[in-house]
Amino acid sequence: MKPISVYLHVPFCRSRCGYCGFYSGCRLSLRTPYLQKLIEAVETAPAEGREIQTVYFGGGTPTLLGTGLVTVLDALKRRWPVAADAEITVEANPGTVTPALLDALHGAGVNRLSFGLQDCEDDVLRLLGRSHTAAESEAAVAMAKAAGFSGLSVDFMLATPGQTPEKAARLAQYGLSLGVPHLSSYLLKVEPGTAFDRMGMAARCPDEDTAAECYLAYYKVLEQAGYRHYEISNAALPGYESRHNTVYWQLGEYLGIGPGAAGYCGGRRYRFPEDIEAFLAAENVWTLPLDDGPGGDWEEALMLSLRLAEGLTPALAHRYGQDYTALLRRAAPMQRAGLLRAGDDRIALTDRGFLLSNSIIVALLG
């Protein structure tokens, strides 16, 4: 049987950031019953007998569950065989980790931490609603290294209010100074219904052209330092790419568990409702997921492959009955514009092409 990955959603935060559109911010008093229900969901989950290749605790702020994460991981190991080299990731925020917690996680087999830092300037962090300072970010990363973690990633945000290409380049230099092998960086998008939307924050953000230049300046610094821009929003030293997220981009199957979590299993996509009360009250949480339809069609395969630096290969096109030569013809004008590289082995986007990926995909679909 094919291996599978597991994503576990932890919808708790000490405070909710103004830009956040994820299902999070649930009452901290619900952590203990939620932990118990999460374990119950693991124990009754489908995909019997399949080996786990990656595990990802996302959120929210998973480290607010403390050593309860170890209990969930133990339940996972009882439920499924876990590959000896499995990647096991926990998202964390500065201020929610201690040496004791990090030692416990490392000892339980967690081998990758992803810290949500977002910026290196305290005034920007306050504007974004982050509860930590740059000094606390640096202390958290140092603490993780001391606990034995070599698989470390940090998240930054680009095109924030007042950011310029020069500031974006400095943010990349700051990321390099932390000595972590993986950096994730997302263009700030003011989502409808968020606090930033109600505050009119979009008007304070860089315009589209400046945002693009921030993105390009940021990744130029990382690439010059030997980091590979392997996905639209991610760069890493060789060997430190996120294996779990790569499962998504390569249309691998994964179980999503928890309110708001999505999954892809047996050729179908599903999603749990964003309702922690319903999750806690359910006699069987696996009656809750809503069907999201089939997954893995040609359009989805093309879109996801072009998120990656490897791009679209002839083998992938042929698997879907597509004429690769016709795709090369459609790609030619965009290659001349410097938006992609196209050849007999692959069609892959450049950094500038990543910024226009949606329109490129539409053009390639014909």
Protein backbone atom coordinates (compact mmCIF):
# COMPACT_ATOMS: atom_id res chain seq x y z
CA MET A 1 0.00 0.00 0.00
CA LYS A 2 1.13 3.55 -0.72
CA PRO A 3 2.41 5.56 2.25
CA ILE A 4 0.29 8.39 3.60
CA SER A 5 0.80 11.65 5.49
CA VAL A 6 -1.12 13.08 8.43
CA TYR A 7 -1.99 16.71 9.18
CA LEU A 8 -3.37 17.57 12.63
CA HIS A 9 -4.95 20.99 13.15
CA VAL A 10 -4.58 22.71 16.51
CA PRO A 11 -6.95 25.73 16.46
CA PHE A 12 -5.64 27.57 19.52
CA CYS A 13 -3.84 30.92 19.74
CA ARG A 14 -3.19 33.28 22.62
CA SER A 15 -4.38 36.10 20.38
CA ARG A 16 -5.59 36.31 16.80
CA CYS A 17 -3.45 38.16 14.26
CA GLY A 18 -5.25 40.75 12.16
CA TYR A 19 -4.34 39.08 8.85
CA CYS A 20 -5.20 35.51 9.82
CA GLY A 21 -7.83 33.71 7.78
CA PHE A 22 -7.21 30.25 9.25
CA TYR A 23 -9.56 28.55 11.69
CA SER A 24 -7.90 29.38 14.99
CA GLY A 25 -8.27 31.44 18.12
CA CYS A 26 -10.51 28.94 19.92
CA ARG A 27 -10.88 29.19 23.69
CA LEU A 28 -7.78 27.93 25.48
CA SER A 29 -10.00 26.31 28.11
CA LEU A 30 -10.96 23.72 25.47
CA ARG A 31 -7.43 22.41 25.05
CA THR A 32 -7.78 19.38 27.33
CA PRO A 33 -11.04 18.04 25.81
CA TYR A 34 -9.68 18.83 22.34
CA LEU A 35 -6.54 16.84 23.00
CA GLN A 36 -8.64 13.87 24.09
CA LYS A 37 -10.84 14.15 20.98
CA LEU A 38 -7.83 14.44 18.70
CA ILE A 39 -6.47 11.18 20.09
CA GLU A 40 -9.88 9.57 19.63
CA ALA A 41 -9.92 10.78 16.01
CA VAL A 42 -6.49 9.23 15.42
CA GLU A 43 -7.56 5.93 16.96
CA THR A 44 -10.64 5.69 14.69
CA ALA A 45 -9.16 7.16 11.51
CA PRO A 46 -9.32 5.38 8.13
CA ALA A 47 -6.27 4.29 6.07
CA GLU A 48 -5.67 1.20 8.17
CA GLY A 49 -2.21 -0.31 7.76
CA ARG A 50 -0.68 2.42 5.62
CA GLU A 51 2.78 3.61 6.62
CA ILE A 52 3.09 7.22 7.73
CA GLN A 53 5.75 9.16 5.81
CA THR A 54 5.17 12.64 7.28
CA VAL A 55 3.26 14.17 10.19
CA TYR A 56 2.47 17.86 10.53
CA PHE A 57 0.99 19.62 13.57
CA GLY A 58 -0.34 22.95 12.24
CA GLY A 59 -2.52 25.71 13.52
CA GLY A 60 -3.12 27.93 15.28
CA THR A 61 -0.26 27.38 17.67
CA PRO A 62 0.26 23.64 18.25
CA THR A 63 2.83 24.22 21.01
CA LEU A 64 0.01 25.57 23.19
CA LEU A 65 -0.88 21.88 23.68
CA GLY A 66 2.50 21.42 25.37
CA THR A 67 3.57 17.82 25.91
CA GLY A 68 0.06 16.80 24.86
CA LEU A 69 1.60 16.75 21.37
CA VAL A 70 3.73 13.81 22.49
CA THR A 71 0.58 11.99 23.60
CA VAL A 72 -0.99 12.50 20.17
CA LEU A 73 2.20 11.35 18.47
CA ASP A 74 2.20 8.21 20.62
CA ALA A 75 -1.39 7.53 19.51
CA LEU A 76 -0.33 7.94 15.88
CA LYS A 77 2.45 5.41 16.34
CA ARG A 78 0.01 2.93 17.86
CA ARG A 79 -2.46 3.43 15.01
CA TRP A 80 -0.09 3.21 12.05
CA PRO A 81 3.42 2.08 11.27
CA VAL A 82 5.62 5.16 11.04
CA ALA A 83 8.56 5.16 8.64
CA ALA A 84 11.95 5.21 10.35
CA ASP A 85 12.85 8.37 8.43
CA ALA A 86 9.45 10.04 8.77
CA GLU A 87 9.46 13.84 8.84
CA ILE A 88 7.52 15.04 11.90
CA THR A 89 6.89 18.79 12.03
CA VAL A 90 5.43 21.03 14.73
CA GLU A 91 4.55 24.68 14.13
CA ALA A 92 5.51 27.01 16.97
CA ASN A 93 5.52 30.65 17.94
CA PRO A 94 8.23 32.36 20.01
CA GLY A 95 7.10 32.61 23.59
CA THR A 96 5.27 29.26 23.50
CA VAL A 97 8.36 27.03 23.74
CA THR A 98 10.59 26.17 26.67
CA PRO A 99 13.74 24.03 26.86
CA ALA A 100 11.74 21.31 28.62
CA LEU A 101 9.03 21.23 25.94
CA LEU A 102 11.54 21.20 23.10
CA ASP A 103 13.50 18.40 24.76
CA ALA A 104 10.28 16.39 25.13
CA LEU A 105 9.29 16.93 21.49
CA HIS A 106 12.75 16.06 20.21
CA GLY A 107 12.83 12.96 22.40
CA ALA A 108 9.44 11.85 21.05
CA GLY A 109 10.67 11.94 17.45
CA VAL A 110 9.70 15.42 16.31
CA ASN A 111 12.52 16.36 13.93
CA ARG A 112 11.35 19.63 12.36
CA LEU A 113 10.09 22.88 13.87
CA SER A 114 8.47 25.69 11.92
CA PHE A 115 8.54 29.04 13.73
CA GLY A 116 6.13 31.82 12.78
CA LEU A 117 8.40 34.88 13.03
CA GLN A 118 6.86 37.06 10.25
CA ASP A 119 9.30 39.97 10.52
CA CYS A 120 12.51 41.21 12.12
CA GLU A 121 11.36 44.67 13.20
CA ASP A 122 9.40 45.09 16.42
CA ASP A 123 7.17 47.86 15.07
CA VAL A 124 6.11 45.66 12.14
CA LEU A 125 5.49 42.74 14.50
CA ARG A 126 3.22 44.93 16.63
CA LEU A 127 1.36 46.12 13.53
CA LEU A 128 0.82 42.51 12.46
CA GLY A 129 -0.52 41.66 15.91
CA ARG A 130 2.33 39.33 16.81
CA SER A 131 2.91 38.89 20.54
CA HIS A 132 6.69 38.40 20.32
CA THR A 133 9.69 40.61 19.66
CA ALA A 134 12.62 40.01 17.31
CA ALA A 135 14.79 39.21 20.33
CA GLU A 136 12.31 36.54 21.43
CA SER A 137 12.38 35.09 17.89
CA GLU A 138 16.15 34.76 18.04
CA ALA A 139 15.98 33.21 21.52
CA ALA A 140 13.41 30.62 20.39
CA VAL A 141 15.53 29.55 17.41
CA ALA A 142 18.63 29.28 19.62
CA MET A 143 16.65 27.24 22.14
CA ALA A 144 15.55 24.81 19.42
CA LYS A 145 19.12 24.36 18.23
CA ALA A 146 20.23 23.67 21.81
CA ALA A 147 17.52 20.98 22.06
CA GLY A 148 19.06 19.21 19.04
CA PHE A 149 16.79 20.37 16.21
CA SER A 150 18.56 20.74 12.87
CA GLY A 151 15.38 20.72 10.80
CA LEU A 152 14.30 24.31 11.40
CA SER A 153 12.11 26.57 9.33
CA VAL A 154 10.95 30.14 9.87
CA ASP A 155 8.00 31.94 8.29
CA PHE A 156 8.25 35.55 7.11
CA MET A 157 5.71 37.86 5.54
CA LEU A 158 6.35 40.00 2.46
CA ALA A 159 4.56 43.13 1.18
CA THR A 160 3.60 44.21 4.68
CA PRO A 161 2.66 47.88 5.28
CA GLY A 162 5.66 50.09 4.57
CA GLN A 163 7.87 47.32 3.21
CA THR A 164 10.21 48.22 0.36
CA PRO A 165 12.43 45.95 -1.75
CA GLU A 166 15.38 47.09 0.38
CA LYS A 167 13.56 46.09 3.59
CA ALA A 168 12.61 42.75 2.02
CA ALA A 169 16.26 42.12 1.20
CA ARG A 170 17.21 42.93 4.80
CA LEU A 171 14.54 40.52 6.02
CA ALA A 172 16.16 37.79 3.93
CA GLN A 173 19.56 38.66 5.39
CA TYR A 174 18.03 38.43 8.86
CA GLY A 175 16.68 34.96 8.02
CA LEU A 176 20.15 33.90 6.92
CA SER A 177 21.64 35.27 10.15
CA LEU A 178 19.43 32.89 12.15
CA GLY A 179 21.25 29.94 10.60
CA VAL A 180 18.13 27.95 9.72
CA PRO A 181 18.04 25.76 6.60
CA HIS A 182 14.48 26.53 5.49
CA LEU A 183 12.63 29.82 4.99
CA SER A 184 8.95 30.20 4.08
CA SER A 185 7.80 33.62 2.91
CA TYR A 186 4.28 34.68 2.02
CA LEU A 187 2.97 37.80 0.35
CA LEU A 188 0.51 39.44 2.71
CA LYS A 189 -3.00 39.15 1.35
CA VAL A 190 -5.78 40.92 3.21
CA GLU A 191 -8.49 38.27 3.35
CA PRO A 192 -12.18 39.24 3.44
CA GLY A 193 -13.65 39.11 6.92
CA THR A 194 -10.33 39.46 8.75
CA ALA A 195 -9.51 42.27 11.15
CA PHE A 196 -7.12 43.73 8.58
CA ASP A 197 -9.97 43.83 6.08
CA ARG A 198 -12.18 45.73 8.51
CA MET A 199 -9.29 48.13 9.26
CA GLY A 200 -8.69 48.87 5.58
CA MET A 201 -5.11 47.66 5.93
CA ALA A 202 -4.81 46.86 2.21
CA ALA A 203 -4.50 50.59 1.51
CA ARG A 204 -1.34 50.69 3.66
CA CYS A 205 0.33 47.79 1.88
CA PRO A 206 2.70 48.16 -1.09
CA ASP A 207 1.06 48.31 -4.51
CA GLU A 208 1.23 45.25 -6.76
CA ASP A 209 4.41 46.28 -8.55
CA THR A 210 6.24 47.11 -5.32
CA ALA A 211 5.05 43.86 -3.74
CA ALA A 212 6.50 41.96 -6.71
CA GLU A 213 9.83 43.76 -6.34
CA CYS A 214 9.88 42.93 -2.61
CA TYR A 215 9.38 39.26 -3.46
CA LEU A 216 12.13 39.26 -6.09
CA ALA A 217 14.59 41.16 -3.87
CA TYR A 218 13.97 38.75 -0.99
CA TYR A 219 14.53 35.58 -3.00
CA LYS A 220 17.56 37.03 -4.81
CA VAL A 221 19.36 37.30 -1.46
CA LEU A 222 18.50 33.72 -0.51
CA GLU A 223 19.48 32.28 -3.87
CA GLN A 224 22.81 34.09 -3.79
CA ALA A 225 23.41 32.46 -0.40
CA GLY A 226 22.88 28.97 -1.82
CA TYR A 227 19.24 28.48 -0.84
CA ARG A 228 17.11 26.85 -3.50
CA HIS A 229 13.80 28.58 -4.25
CA TYR A 230 12.12 25.22 -4.63
CA GLU A 231 8.49 26.36 -4.37
CA ILE A 232 6.63 29.64 -4.85
CA SER A 233 6.83 30.54 -1.15
CA ASN A 234 9.69 28.38 0.09
CA ALA A 235 13.47 28.25 -0.09
CA ALA A 236 15.82 25.76 1.53
CA LEU A 237 19.34 24.46 1.61
CA PRO A 238 19.55 21.16 -0.33
CA GLY A 239 18.01 18.31 1.64
CA TYR A 240 15.94 20.53 3.94
CA GLU A 241 12.84 21.00 1.75
CA SER A 242 9.52 20.38 3.51
CA ARG A 243 8.67 16.78 2.71
CA HIS A 244 5.16 17.12 4.13
CA ASN A 245 4.20 20.11 2.01
CA THR A 246 5.77 18.44 -1.02
CA VAL A 247 3.23 15.63 -0.56
CA TYR A 248 0.50 18.22 -1.19
CA TRP A 249 2.23 19.65 -4.24
CA GLN A 250 2.85 16.22 -5.75
CA LEU A 251 -0.75 15.08 -5.21
CA GLY A 252 0.14 12.56 -2.53
CA GLU A 253 -2.56 11.36 -0.15
CA TYR A 254 -2.91 12.69 3.36
CA LEU A 255 -5.34 12.56 6.25
CA GLY A 256 -6.36 15.91 7.70
CA ILE A 257 -7.71 15.76 11.25
CA GLY A 258 -9.38 18.54 13.26
CA PRO A 259 -11.90 21.35 12.66
CA GLY A 260 -10.97 23.19 9.47
CA ALA A 261 -8.52 20.48 8.37
CA ALA A 262 -8.65 19.16 4.81
CA GLY A 263 -7.60 15.77 3.50
CA TYR A 264 -7.15 13.84 0.28
CA CYS A 265 -7.62 10.10 0.44
CA GLY A 266 -8.93 7.48 -1.97
CA GLY A 267 -9.09 10.00 -4.80
CA ARG A 268 -11.52 12.24 -2.90
CA ARG A 269 -10.98 15.50 -1.05
CA TYR A 270 -12.76 16.30 2.20
CA ARG A 271 -12.81 19.02 4.82
CA PHE A 272 -13.84 19.12 8.47
CA PRO A 273 -16.26 21.96 9.31
CA GLU A 274 -14.68 24.92 11.12
CA ASP A 275 -16.57 24.13 14.32
CA ILE A 276 -14.68 22.98 17.40
CA GLU A 277 -17.88 22.48 19.38
CA ALA A 278 -19.21 20.05 16.78
CA PHE A 279 -15.86 18.25 16.76
CA LEU A 280 -15.88 17.88 20.54
CA ALA A 281 -19.52 16.77 20.64
CA ALA A 282 -19.35 14.20 17.84
CA GLU A 283 -19.72 10.58 18.84
CA ASN A 284 -17.61 9.72 15.79
CA VAL A 285 -15.69 12.69 14.34
CA TRP A 286 -15.30 10.88 11.02
CA THR A 287 -18.99 11.48 10.32
CA LEU A 288 -18.27 15.23 10.19
CA PRO A 289 -16.08 15.75 7.09
CA LEU A 290 -17.74 17.30 4.05
CA ASP A 291 -16.96 15.87 0.62
CA ASP A 292 -14.90 18.30 -1.47
CA GLY A 293 -15.12 16.27 -4.66
CA PRO A 294 -12.53 14.31 -6.61
CA GLY A 295 -8.91 15.39 -6.63
CA GLY A 296 -5.95 14.91 -8.91
CA ASP A 297 -7.29 16.02 -12.31
CA TRP A 298 -5.09 17.55 -15.03
CA GLU A 299 -5.79 21.16 -14.08
CA GLU A 300 -4.82 20.49 -10.46
CA ALA A 301 -1.72 18.53 -11.48
CA LEU A 302 -0.58 21.37 -13.75
CA MET A 303 -1.21 24.03 -11.12
CA LEU A 304 0.62 22.17 -8.35
CA SER A 305 3.57 21.10 -10.50
CA LEU A 306 4.17 24.72 -11.52
CA ARG A 307 4.39 25.74 -7.86
CA LEU A 308 7.61 23.75 -7.74
CA ALA A 309 10.99 24.61 -9.23
CA GLU A 310 10.99 21.19 -10.91
CA GLY A 311 7.93 22.26 -12.87
CA LEU A 312 5.91 20.16 -15.28
CA THR A 313 7.66 17.16 -16.85
CA PRO A 314 6.71 15.36 -20.07
CA ALA A 315 6.02 12.22 -18.00
CA LEU A 316 3.41 14.06 -15.89
CA ALA A 317 1.77 15.54 -18.99
CA HIS A 318 1.64 12.15 -20.71
CA ARG A 319 0.14 10.55 -17.59
CA TYR A 320 -2.87 12.82 -18.12
CA GLY A 321 -2.98 12.26 -21.88
CA GLN A 322 -1.65 15.74 -22.64
CA ASP A 323 0.45 16.68 -25.67
CA TYR A 324 3.70 18.03 -24.23
CA THR A 325 4.73 19.51 -27.59
CA ALA A 326 1.53 21.57 -27.64
CA LEU A 327 2.31 22.77 -24.12
CA LEU A 328 5.76 23.87 -25.27
CA ARG A 329 4.16 25.90 -28.07
CA ARG A 330 1.85 27.63 -25.61
CA ALA A 331 4.79 28.27 -23.28
CA ALA A 332 6.99 29.91 -25.94
CA PRO A 333 5.69 33.51 -25.60
CA MET A 334 6.04 33.35 -21.82
CA GLN A 335 9.54 31.94 -22.14
CA ARG A 336 10.52 34.88 -24.33
CA ALA A 337 9.09 37.18 -21.63
CA GLY A 338 11.33 35.55 -19.01
CA LEU A 339 8.43 34.05 -17.04
CA LEU A 340 9.36 30.40 -17.49
CA ARG A 341 11.97 28.00 -18.80
CA ALA A 342 10.73 25.42 -21.29
CA GLY A 343 12.59 22.52 -22.84
CA ASP A 344 12.40 18.84 -23.65
CA ASP A 345 12.73 17.91 -19.96
CA ARG A 346 10.37 20.35 -18.22
CA ILE A 347 8.40 23.59 -18.13
CA ALA A 348 9.28 25.54 -14.98
CA LEU A 349 8.49 29.04 -13.78
CA THR A 350 11.14 31.65 -13.03
CA ASP A 351 10.94 33.78 -9.88
CA ARG A 352 9.10 36.46 -11.87
CA GLY A 353 6.88 33.78 -13.36
CA PHE A 354 5.91 32.57 -9.87
CA LEU A 355 4.28 35.97 -9.35
CA LEU A 356 2.06 35.44 -12.41
CA SER A 357 1.46 31.73 -11.98
CA ASN A 358 -2.34 31.89 -12.24
CA SER A 359 -2.36 33.60 -15.63
CA ILE A 360 0.42 31.30 -16.88
CA ILE A 361 -1.57 28.22 -15.87
CA VAL A 362 -4.62 29.54 -17.71
CA ALA A 363 -2.52 30.10 -20.83
CA LEU A 364 -0.99 26.62 -20.69
CA LEU A 365 -4.43 25.05 -20.25
CA GLY A 366 -5.34 26.67 -23.56
